[in-house]
Amino acid sequence: MFKVKITVTGFGKDEQKYPCHMRYKIGDEIIFDGETIAGRICPSMVTNFAQAFRALQASGGRHKEGEIPASYYPFWHSPSSLYDTAYKKYDGIGFRPTLERPDEGYKFVADETLFDTPPGGRYIIGKGKEKQTVNMQCNDSHTFAQFKAKAYDLADKGDSLPYYRRAMTILGKTVKKPGIAMDKILDEYTKNEINNIYPSLGQKMVAVLVGELELLDYVDVKDNKVTATEKGKKKLDSFIKSLTAEEKKALKV
């Protein structure tokens, strides 16, 4: 999942004659980090901004015409969970996967069990580095303020945090083993690490998170082999520095 930035790019009319009453300036930014929004939001653009945040936070801009952006979310491949503070050192929040709930007839099988039904009945595993931006325009015909929204990094706040941490540990595996086959990444984890850290891992979860890393140029994927880029190595170093000693030990980074 992604952080999203909206930038004021211009005005369709003469802003000197008809000034924007929000006093937006070219270059002003509104940022959604997965949990909070920073920046000034014009009431006339609330709906537009919310739609852009929602779509790009989910797909990163990879969704094509006819696709539902939320189909790209990794949590479709996650198990049910319970809140348990003992697990915070792993996922940053404190979710414990519950792979079985006999009283509910629930049993999670990686790559088979979906957390819920994706929108439109299908999930999408994103690939490649091609992404779109979302262009918007205020409907004030005197000014026509113009905006561009784009995904610019992995979201590391709110319910995105556990997926961000999983993506970072995957990135770490690609740093240690350049060119590792995507379907061999799971072999770098113990059974306990695969199942009992949220989100639990399967091949589809790995593919979704690798796809997010690839989109942001943190890894290169060629012939299904994954290699960390220099940008990715710097990102991993930054992530490791942000962790406590307990978290580094828990995540083995």
C-alpha atoms as a PDB file:
ATOM      1  CA  MET A   1       0.000   0.000   0.000  1.00  0.00           C
ATOM      2  CA  PHE A   2       1.196   3.482  -0.804  1.00  0.00           C
ATOM      3  CA  LYS A   3       1.653   7.015   0.391  1.00  0.00           C
ATOM      4  CA  VAL A   4      -0.047   9.495  -1.910  1.00  0.00           C
ATOM      5  CA  LYS A   5       0.868  13.085  -2.713  1.00  0.00           C
ATOM      6  CA  ILE A   6      -1.403  15.656  -4.327  1.00  0.00           C
ATOM      7  CA  THR A   7       0.347  18.701  -5.790  1.00  0.00           C
ATOM      8  CA  VAL A   8      -1.094  21.961  -7.085  1.00  0.00           C
ATOM      9  CA  THR A   9       0.195  22.145 -10.665  1.00  0.00           C
ATOM     10  CA  GLY A  10      -1.455  25.249 -12.088  1.00  0.00           C
ATOM     11  CA  PHE A  11      -4.583  27.253 -12.841  1.00  0.00           C
ATOM     12  CA  GLY A  12      -6.765  27.052 -15.920  1.00  0.00           C
ATOM     13  CA  LYS A  13      -7.667  30.739 -15.714  1.00  0.00           C
ATOM     14  CA  ASP A  14      -5.829  33.940 -14.805  1.00  0.00           C
ATOM     15  CA  GLU A  15      -5.291  33.520 -11.088  1.00  0.00           C
ATOM     16  CA  GLN A  16      -4.335  37.171 -10.786  1.00  0.00           C
ATOM     17  CA  LYS A  17      -7.760  38.293 -11.984  1.00  0.00           C
ATOM     18  CA  TYR A  18      -9.669  35.542 -10.184  1.00  0.00           C
ATOM     19  CA  PRO A  19      -7.568  34.424  -7.216  1.00  0.00           C
ATOM     20  CA  CYS A  20      -8.086  31.016  -5.645  1.00  0.00           C
ATOM     21  CA  HIS A  21      -9.942  31.612  -2.380  1.00  0.00           C
ATOM     22  CA  MET A  22      -8.013  28.789  -0.694  1.00  0.00           C
ATOM     23  CA  ARG A  23      -4.900  30.731  -1.669  1.00  0.00           C
ATOM     24  CA  TYR A  24      -3.400  27.614  -3.162  1.00  0.00           C
ATOM     25  CA  LYS A  25      -0.027  28.168  -4.800  1.00  0.00           C
ATOM     26  CA  ILE A  26       1.667  26.070  -7.451  1.00  0.00           C
ATOM     27  CA  GLY A  27       3.731  23.444  -5.632  1.00  0.00           C
ATOM     28  CA  ASP A  28       1.477  23.209  -2.564  1.00  0.00           C
ATOM     29  CA  GLU A  29       1.125  19.590  -1.404  1.00  0.00           C
ATOM     30  CA  ILE A  30      -1.426  17.462   0.425  1.00  0.00           C
ATOM     31  CA  ILE A  31      -0.064  14.114   1.631  1.00  0.00           C
ATOM     32  CA  PHE A  32      -1.825  10.943   2.794  1.00  0.00           C
ATOM     33  CA  ASP A  33       0.522   8.539   4.582  1.00  0.00           C
ATOM     34  CA  GLY A  34      -1.984   5.730   5.087  1.00  0.00           C
ATOM     35  CA  GLU A  35      -3.255   7.140   8.359  1.00  0.00           C
ATOM     36  CA  THR A  36      -3.259  10.931   8.377  1.00  0.00           C
ATOM     37  CA  ILE A  37      -3.547  13.739   5.864  1.00  0.00           C
ATOM     38  CA  ALA A  38      -1.141  16.688   5.967  1.00  0.00           C
ATOM     39  CA  GLY A  39      -1.931  19.846   4.052  1.00  0.00           C
ATOM     40  CA  ARG A  40      -4.808  22.203   3.383  1.00  0.00           C
ATOM     41  CA  ILE A  41      -7.900  20.766   1.687  1.00  0.00           C
ATOM     42  CA  CYS A  42     -10.377  22.952  -0.148  1.00  0.00           C
ATOM     43  CA  PRO A  43     -13.967  21.874   0.692  1.00  0.00           C
ATOM     44  CA  SER A  44     -14.762  21.861  -3.020  1.00  0.00           C
ATOM     45  CA  MET A  45     -12.077  19.204  -3.580  1.00  0.00           C
ATOM     46  CA  VAL A  46     -12.756  16.903  -0.620  1.00  0.00           C
ATOM     47  CA  THR A  47     -14.517  14.230  -2.687  1.00  0.00           C
ATOM     48  CA  ASN A  48     -11.960  14.364  -5.523  1.00  0.00           C
ATOM     49  CA  PHE A  49      -9.020  14.128  -3.157  1.00  0.00           C
ATOM     50  CA  ALA A  50     -10.578  11.265  -1.192  1.00  0.00           C
ATOM     51  CA  GLN A  51     -11.150   9.249  -4.360  1.00  0.00           C
ATOM     52  CA  ALA A  52      -7.565   9.835  -5.502  1.00  0.00           C
ATOM     53  CA  PHE A  53      -6.163   8.917  -2.086  1.00  0.00           C
ATOM     54  CA  ARG A  54      -8.219   5.733  -1.969  1.00  0.00           C
ATOM     55  CA  ALA A  55      -7.362   4.572  -5.481  1.00  0.00           C
ATOM     56  CA  LEU A  56      -3.642   5.318  -5.393  1.00  0.00           C
ATOM     57  CA  GLN A  57      -3.127   4.069  -1.830  1.00  0.00           C
ATOM     58  CA  ALA A  58      -4.430   0.706  -3.014  1.00  0.00           C
ATOM     59  CA  SER A  59      -2.979   0.276  -6.504  1.00  0.00           C
ATOM     60  CA  GLY A  60      -0.136   2.774  -6.596  1.00  0.00           C
ATOM     61  CA  GLY A  61      -1.520   3.898  -9.935  1.00  0.00           C
ATOM     62  CA  ARG A  62      -1.290   0.486 -11.616  1.00  0.00           C
ATOM     63  CA  HIS A  63      -5.034   0.067 -12.080  1.00  0.00           C
ATOM     64  CA  LYS A  64      -6.215   0.069 -15.651  1.00  0.00           C
ATOM     65  CA  GLU A  65      -9.532   1.057 -17.155  1.00  0.00           C
ATOM     66  CA  GLY A  66     -12.243  -1.210 -15.836  1.00  0.00           C
ATOM     67  CA  GLU A  67     -10.192  -2.382 -12.858  1.00  0.00           C
ATOM     68  CA  ILE A  68     -11.145  -1.605  -9.273  1.00  0.00           C
ATOM     69  CA  PRO A  69      -8.085  -0.147  -7.496  1.00  0.00           C
ATOM     70  CA  ALA A  70      -8.955  -1.877  -4.200  1.00  0.00           C
ATOM     71  CA  SER A  71      -8.432  -5.221  -5.971  1.00  0.00           C
ATOM     72  CA  TYR A  72      -4.688  -4.627  -5.528  1.00  0.00           C
ATOM     73  CA  TYR A  73      -4.755  -4.597  -1.722  1.00  0.00           C
ATOM     74  CA  PRO A  74      -2.510  -7.228  -0.118  1.00  0.00           C
ATOM     75  CA  PHE A  75      -4.919  -7.906   2.730  1.00  0.00           C
ATOM     76  CA  TRP A  76      -7.128 -10.090   0.525  1.00  0.00           C
ATOM     77  CA  HIS A  77      -4.444 -12.730   1.074  1.00  0.00           C
ATOM     78  CA  SER A  78      -4.226 -12.270   4.861  1.00  0.00           C
ATOM     79  CA  PRO A  79      -5.627 -14.492   7.617  1.00  0.00           C
ATOM     80  CA  SER A  80      -7.912 -13.394  10.415  1.00  0.00           C
ATOM     81  CA  SER A  81      -6.132 -11.960  13.440  1.00  0.00           C
ATOM     82  CA  LEU A  82      -6.487 -10.895  17.064  1.00  0.00           C
ATOM     83  CA  TYR A  83      -4.909  -7.949  18.817  1.00  0.00           C
ATOM     84  CA  ASP A  84      -2.009  -9.053  21.006  1.00  0.00           C
ATOM     85  CA  THR A  85       0.547  -6.519  22.244  1.00  0.00           C
ATOM     86  CA  ALA A  86       3.219  -9.241  22.404  1.00  0.00           C
ATOM     87  CA  TYR A  87       3.251  -9.202  18.599  1.00  0.00           C
ATOM     88  CA  LYS A  88       3.835  -5.478  18.197  1.00  0.00           C
ATOM     89  CA  LYS A  89       7.586  -6.003  17.932  1.00  0.00           C
ATOM     90  CA  TYR A  90       6.927  -7.895  14.697  1.00  0.00           C
ATOM     91  CA  ASP A  91       4.254  -5.966  12.797  1.00  0.00           C
ATOM     92  CA  GLY A  92       4.452  -2.585  14.508  1.00  0.00           C
ATOM     93  CA  ILE A  93       0.839  -2.695  15.726  1.00  0.00           C
ATOM     94  CA  GLY A  94       0.222  -5.975  17.534  1.00  0.00           C
ATOM     95  CA  PHE A  95      -1.802  -8.399  15.419  1.00  0.00           C
ATOM     96  CA  ARG A  96      -1.517 -12.150  15.982  1.00  0.00           C
ATOM     97  CA  PRO A  97      -2.581 -14.330  13.047  1.00  0.00           C
ATOM     98  CA  THR A  98      -5.327 -16.808  13.922  1.00  0.00           C
ATOM     99  CA  LEU A  99      -4.928 -19.466  11.276  1.00  0.00           C
ATOM    100  CA  GLU A 100      -7.662 -21.610  12.768  1.00  0.00           C
ATOM    101  CA  ARG A 101     -10.917 -20.765  14.520  1.00  0.00           C
ATOM    102  CA  PRO A 102     -12.621 -24.126  15.035  1.00  0.00           C
ATOM    103  CA  ASP A 103     -15.698 -22.587  16.637  1.00  0.00           C
ATOM    104  CA  GLU A 104     -16.254 -20.638  13.407  1.00  0.00           C
ATOM    105  CA  GLY A 105     -15.243 -23.413  11.029  1.00  0.00           C
ATOM    106  CA  TYR A 106     -12.362 -21.237   9.851  1.00  0.00           C
ATOM    107  CA  LYS A 107      -8.989 -22.508   8.688  1.00  0.00           C
ATOM    108  CA  PHE A 108      -6.556 -20.321   6.766  1.00  0.00           C
ATOM    109  CA  VAL A 109      -4.687 -21.912   3.881  1.00  0.00           C
ATOM    110  CA  ALA A 110      -2.105 -19.626   2.287  1.00  0.00           C
ATOM    111  CA  ASP A 111      -2.757 -18.869  -1.400  1.00  0.00           C
ATOM    112  CA  GLU A 112      -6.261 -20.319  -1.122  1.00  0.00           C
ATOM    113  CA  THR A 113      -8.148 -18.604   1.684  1.00  0.00           C
ATOM    114  CA  LEU A 114      -9.121 -14.987   1.106  1.00  0.00           C
ATOM    115  CA  PHE A 115      -9.754 -12.607   3.988  1.00  0.00           C
ATOM    116  CA  ASP A 116     -12.877 -11.379   2.248  1.00  0.00           C
ATOM    117  CA  THR A 117     -14.332 -11.167  -1.243  1.00  0.00           C
ATOM    118  CA  PRO A 118     -12.397  -8.600  -3.305  1.00  0.00           C
ATOM    119  CA  PRO A 119     -14.402  -5.911  -5.087  1.00  0.00           C
ATOM    120  CA  GLY A 120     -15.807  -7.261  -8.299  1.00  0.00           C
ATOM    121  CA  GLY A 121     -14.931 -10.766  -7.104  1.00  0.00           C
ATOM    122  CA  ARG A 122     -11.287 -10.699  -8.168  1.00  0.00           C
ATOM    123  CA  TYR A 123      -7.935  -9.709  -6.752  1.00  0.00           C
ATOM    124  CA  ILE A 124      -5.061  -8.362  -8.827  1.00  0.00           C
ATOM    125  CA  ILE A 125      -1.344  -8.936  -8.287  1.00  0.00           C
ATOM    126  CA  GLY A 126       0.417  -5.884  -9.666  1.00  0.00           C
ATOM    127  CA  LYS A 127       3.583  -6.133 -11.723  1.00  0.00           C
ATOM    128  CA  GLY A 128       5.949  -3.725 -13.424  1.00  0.00           C
ATOM    129  CA  LYS A 129       6.926  -0.099 -12.884  1.00  0.00           C
ATOM    130  CA  GLU A 130       4.313   1.600 -15.035  1.00  0.00           C
ATOM    131  CA  LYS A 131       1.891   3.734 -13.070  1.00  0.00           C
ATOM    132  CA  GLN A 132      -0.528   6.545 -13.696  1.00  0.00           C
ATOM    133  CA  THR A 133      -1.141   9.817 -11.946  1.00  0.00           C
ATOM    134  CA  VAL A 134      -4.596  11.233 -11.271  1.00  0.00           C
ATOM    135  CA  ASN A 135      -5.262  14.717 -12.618  1.00  0.00           C
ATOM    136  CA  MET A 136      -8.005  16.845 -11.094  1.00  0.00           C
ATOM    137  CA  GLN A 137      -9.453  20.306 -11.560  1.00  0.00           C
ATOM    138  CA  CYS A 138     -11.519  22.490  -9.276  1.00  0.00           C
ATOM    139  CA  ASN A 139     -14.951  23.232 -10.735  1.00  0.00           C
ATOM    140  CA  ASP A 140     -14.696  26.950  -9.969  1.00  0.00           C
ATOM    141  CA  SER A 141     -14.880  28.244 -13.535  1.00  0.00           C
ATOM    142  CA  HIS A 142     -13.211  31.525 -12.549  1.00  0.00           C
ATOM    143  CA  THR A 143      -9.981  29.832 -11.484  1.00  0.00           C
ATOM    144  CA  PHE A 144      -9.878  26.119 -12.415  1.00  0.00           C
ATOM    145  CA  ALA A 145      -7.161  25.153  -9.924  1.00  0.00           C
ATOM    146  CA  GLN A 146      -5.373  22.033 -11.181  1.00  0.00           C
ATOM    147  CA  PHE A 147      -3.927  19.152  -9.185  1.00  0.00           C
ATOM    148  CA  LYS A 148      -1.919  15.975  -9.776  1.00  0.00           C
ATOM    149  CA  ALA A 149      -1.996  12.978  -7.442  1.00  0.00           C
ATOM    150  CA  LYS A 150       0.600  10.195  -7.427  1.00  0.00           C
ATOM    151  CA  ALA A 151       1.829   7.350  -5.231  1.00  0.00           C
ATOM    152  CA  TYR A 152       5.355   8.133  -4.116  1.00  0.00           C
ATOM    153  CA  ASP A 153       6.363   5.639  -1.412  1.00  0.00           C
ATOM    154  CA  LEU A 154       5.171   2.680   0.616  1.00  0.00           C
ATOM    155  CA  ALA A 155       2.667   3.577   3.318  1.00  0.00           C
ATOM    156  CA  ASP A 156       4.097   2.867   6.756  1.00  0.00           C
ATOM    157  CA  LYS A 157       1.279   4.108   8.988  1.00  0.00           C
ATOM    158  CA  GLY A 158      -2.115   2.830  10.104  1.00  0.00           C
ATOM    159  CA  ASP A 159      -3.172  -0.604   8.877  1.00  0.00           C
ATOM    160  CA  SER A 160      -0.494  -0.411   6.163  1.00  0.00           C
ATOM    161  CA  LEU A 161       2.318  -0.802   8.713  1.00  0.00           C
ATOM    162  CA  PRO A 162       2.331  -4.636   9.006  1.00  0.00           C
ATOM    163  CA  TYR A 163       2.474  -4.968   5.217  1.00  0.00           C
ATOM    164  CA  TYR A 164       5.228  -2.372   5.032  1.00  0.00           C
ATOM    165  CA  ARG A 165       7.292  -4.336   7.533  1.00  0.00           C
ATOM    166  CA  ARG A 166       6.753  -7.566   5.631  1.00  0.00           C
ATOM    167  CA  ALA A 167       7.810  -5.829   2.421  1.00  0.00           C
ATOM    168  CA  MET A 168      10.967  -4.571   4.132  1.00  0.00           C
ATOM    169  CA  THR A 169      11.939  -8.049   5.320  1.00  0.00           C
ATOM    170  CA  ILE A 170      11.392  -9.348   1.777  1.00  0.00           C
ATOM    171  CA  LEU A 171      13.585  -6.516   0.516  1.00  0.00           C
ATOM    172  CA  GLY A 172      16.212  -7.651   3.006  1.00  0.00           C
ATOM    173  CA  LYS A 173      16.151 -11.168   1.550  1.00  0.00           C
ATOM    174  CA  THR A 174      16.765  -9.765  -1.936  1.00  0.00           C
ATOM    175  CA  VAL A 175      19.722  -7.740  -0.677  1.00  0.00           C
ATOM    176  CA  LYS A 176      21.304 -10.849   0.802  1.00  0.00           C
ATOM    177  CA  LYS A 177      20.535 -12.992  -2.253  1.00  0.00           C
ATOM    178  CA  PRO A 178      20.507 -10.889  -5.435  1.00  0.00           C
ATOM    179  CA  GLY A 179      18.529 -12.524  -8.208  1.00  0.00           C
ATOM    180  CA  ILE A 180      16.577 -14.791  -5.878  1.00  0.00           C
ATOM    181  CA  ALA A 181      13.643 -16.499  -7.584  1.00  0.00           C
ATOM    182  CA  MET A 182      10.386 -15.032  -6.350  1.00  0.00           C
ATOM    183  CA  ASP A 183       8.986 -18.449  -5.504  1.00  0.00           C
ATOM    184  CA  LYS A 184      12.072 -19.183  -3.366  1.00  0.00           C
ATOM    185  CA  ILE A 185      11.760 -16.141  -1.114  1.00  0.00           C
ATOM    186  CA  LEU A 186       9.559 -18.084   1.320  1.00  0.00           C
ATOM    187  CA  ASP A 187      12.427 -20.546   1.802  1.00  0.00           C
ATOM    188  CA  GLU A 188      14.353 -17.733   3.521  1.00  0.00           C
ATOM    189  CA  TYR A 189      11.821 -17.684   6.383  1.00  0.00           C
ATOM    190  CA  THR A 190      11.206 -20.245   9.110  1.00  0.00           C
ATOM    191  CA  LYS A 191       7.781 -21.860   9.345  1.00  0.00           C
ATOM    192  CA  ASN A 192       7.059 -19.780  12.430  1.00  0.00           C
ATOM    193  CA  GLU A 193       8.048 -16.567  10.633  1.00  0.00           C
ATOM    194  CA  ILE A 194       5.806 -17.462   7.697  1.00  0.00           C
ATOM    195  CA  ASN A 195       2.722 -18.316   9.728  1.00  0.00           C
ATOM    196  CA  ASN A 196       2.863 -16.424  13.005  1.00  0.00           C
ATOM    197  CA  ILE A 197       3.791 -12.877  12.015  1.00  0.00           C
ATOM    198  CA  TYR A 198       0.996 -10.796  10.565  1.00  0.00           C
ATOM    199  CA  PRO A 199       0.344 -10.869   7.692  1.00  0.00           C
ATOM    200  CA  SER A 200       1.106 -14.567   7.243  1.00  0.00           C
ATOM    201  CA  LEU A 201       2.975 -15.286   4.034  1.00  0.00           C
ATOM    202  CA  GLY A 202       2.137 -17.322   0.978  1.00  0.00           C
ATOM    203  CA  GLN A 203       3.359 -17.072  -2.593  1.00  0.00           C
ATOM    204  CA  LYS A 204       0.575 -14.634  -3.494  1.00  0.00           C
ATOM    205  CA  MET A 205       1.315 -12.326  -0.561  1.00  0.00           C
ATOM    206  CA  VAL A 206       5.002 -12.351  -1.506  1.00  0.00           C
ATOM    207  CA  ALA A 207       4.127 -11.554  -5.127  1.00  0.00           C
ATOM    208  CA  VAL A 208       1.874  -8.650  -4.112  1.00  0.00           C
ATOM    209  CA  LEU A 209       4.530  -7.116  -1.858  1.00  0.00           C
ATOM    210  CA  VAL A 210       7.313  -7.650  -4.413  1.00  0.00           C
ATOM    211  CA  GLY A 211       5.054  -5.914  -6.935  1.00  0.00           C
ATOM    212  CA  GLU A 212       4.789  -2.893  -4.657  1.00  0.00           C
ATOM    213  CA  LEU A 213       8.560  -2.817  -4.169  1.00  0.00           C
ATOM    214  CA  GLU A 214       9.071  -3.075  -7.925  1.00  0.00           C
ATOM    215  CA  LEU A 215       6.678  -0.240  -8.689  1.00  0.00           C
ATOM    216  CA  LEU A 216       8.722   2.115  -6.524  1.00  0.00           C
ATOM    217  CA  ASP A 217      12.032   0.915  -7.999  1.00  0.00           C
ATOM    218  CA  TYR A 218      13.183  -0.719  -4.760  1.00  0.00           C
ATOM    219  CA  VAL A 219      13.692  -4.004  -6.645  1.00  0.00           C
ATOM    220  CA  ASP A 220      14.067  -5.130 -10.218  1.00  0.00           C
ATOM    221  CA  VAL A 221      12.179  -8.222 -11.359  1.00  0.00           C
ATOM    222  CA  LYS A 222      13.349 -10.068 -14.454  1.00  0.00           C
ATOM    223  CA  ASP A 223      12.325 -13.591 -15.431  1.00  0.00           C
ATOM    224  CA  ASN A 224      10.688 -13.847 -11.995  1.00  0.00           C
ATOM    225  CA  LYS A 225      14.019 -13.197 -10.277  1.00  0.00           C
ATOM    226  CA  VAL A 226      14.214 -10.358  -7.776  1.00  0.00           C
ATOM    227  CA  THR A 227      17.189  -8.060  -7.140  1.00  0.00           C
ATOM    228  CA  ALA A 228      17.336  -5.059  -4.823  1.00  0.00           C
ATOM    229  CA  THR A 229      18.254  -1.753  -6.462  1.00  0.00           C
ATOM    230  CA  GLU A 230      20.572   0.829  -4.923  1.00  0.00           C
ATOM    231  CA  LYS A 231      17.453   2.812  -4.042  1.00  0.00           C
ATOM    232  CA  GLY A 232      16.082  -0.289  -2.361  1.00  0.00           C
ATOM    233  CA  LYS A 233      19.246  -0.819  -0.334  1.00  0.00           C
ATOM    234  CA  LYS A 234      19.042   2.746   0.959  1.00  0.00           C
ATOM    235  CA  LYS A 235      15.375   2.241   1.822  1.00  0.00           C
ATOM    236  CA  LEU A 236      16.215  -0.908   3.773  1.00  0.00           C
ATOM    237  CA  ASP A 237      18.994   0.857   5.678  1.00  0.00           C
ATOM    238  CA  SER A 238      16.586   3.652   6.612  1.00  0.00           C
ATOM    239  CA  PHE A 239      13.993   1.119   7.778  1.00  0.00           C
ATOM    240  CA  ILE A 240      16.487  -0.760   9.945  1.00  0.00           C
ATOM    241  CA  LYS A 241      17.644   2.476  11.581  1.00  0.00           C
ATOM    242  CA  SER A 242      14.037   3.265  12.511  1.00  0.00           C
ATOM    243  CA  LEU A 243      13.664   0.051  14.542  1.00  0.00           C
ATOM    244  CA  THR A 244      14.329  -0.566  18.209  1.00  0.00           C
ATOM    245  CA  ALA A 245      16.845  -3.215  19.270  1.00  0.00           C
ATOM    246  CA  GLU A 246      13.950  -5.521  20.218  1.00  0.00           C
ATOM    247  CA  GLU A 247      12.327  -5.079  16.801  1.00  0.00           C
ATOM    248  CA  LYS A 248      15.573  -5.738  14.941  1.00  0.00           C
ATOM    249  CA  LYS A 249      16.022  -8.979  16.864  1.00  0.00           C
ATOM    250  CA  ALA A 250      12.417 -10.036  16.254  1.00  0.00           C
ATOM    251  CA  LEU A 251      12.615  -9.338  12.518  1.00  0.00           C
ATOM    252  CA  LYS A 252      16.200 -10.603  12.176  1.00  0.00           C
ATOM    253  CA  VAL A 253      17.392  -7.488  10.366  1.00  0.00           C
END
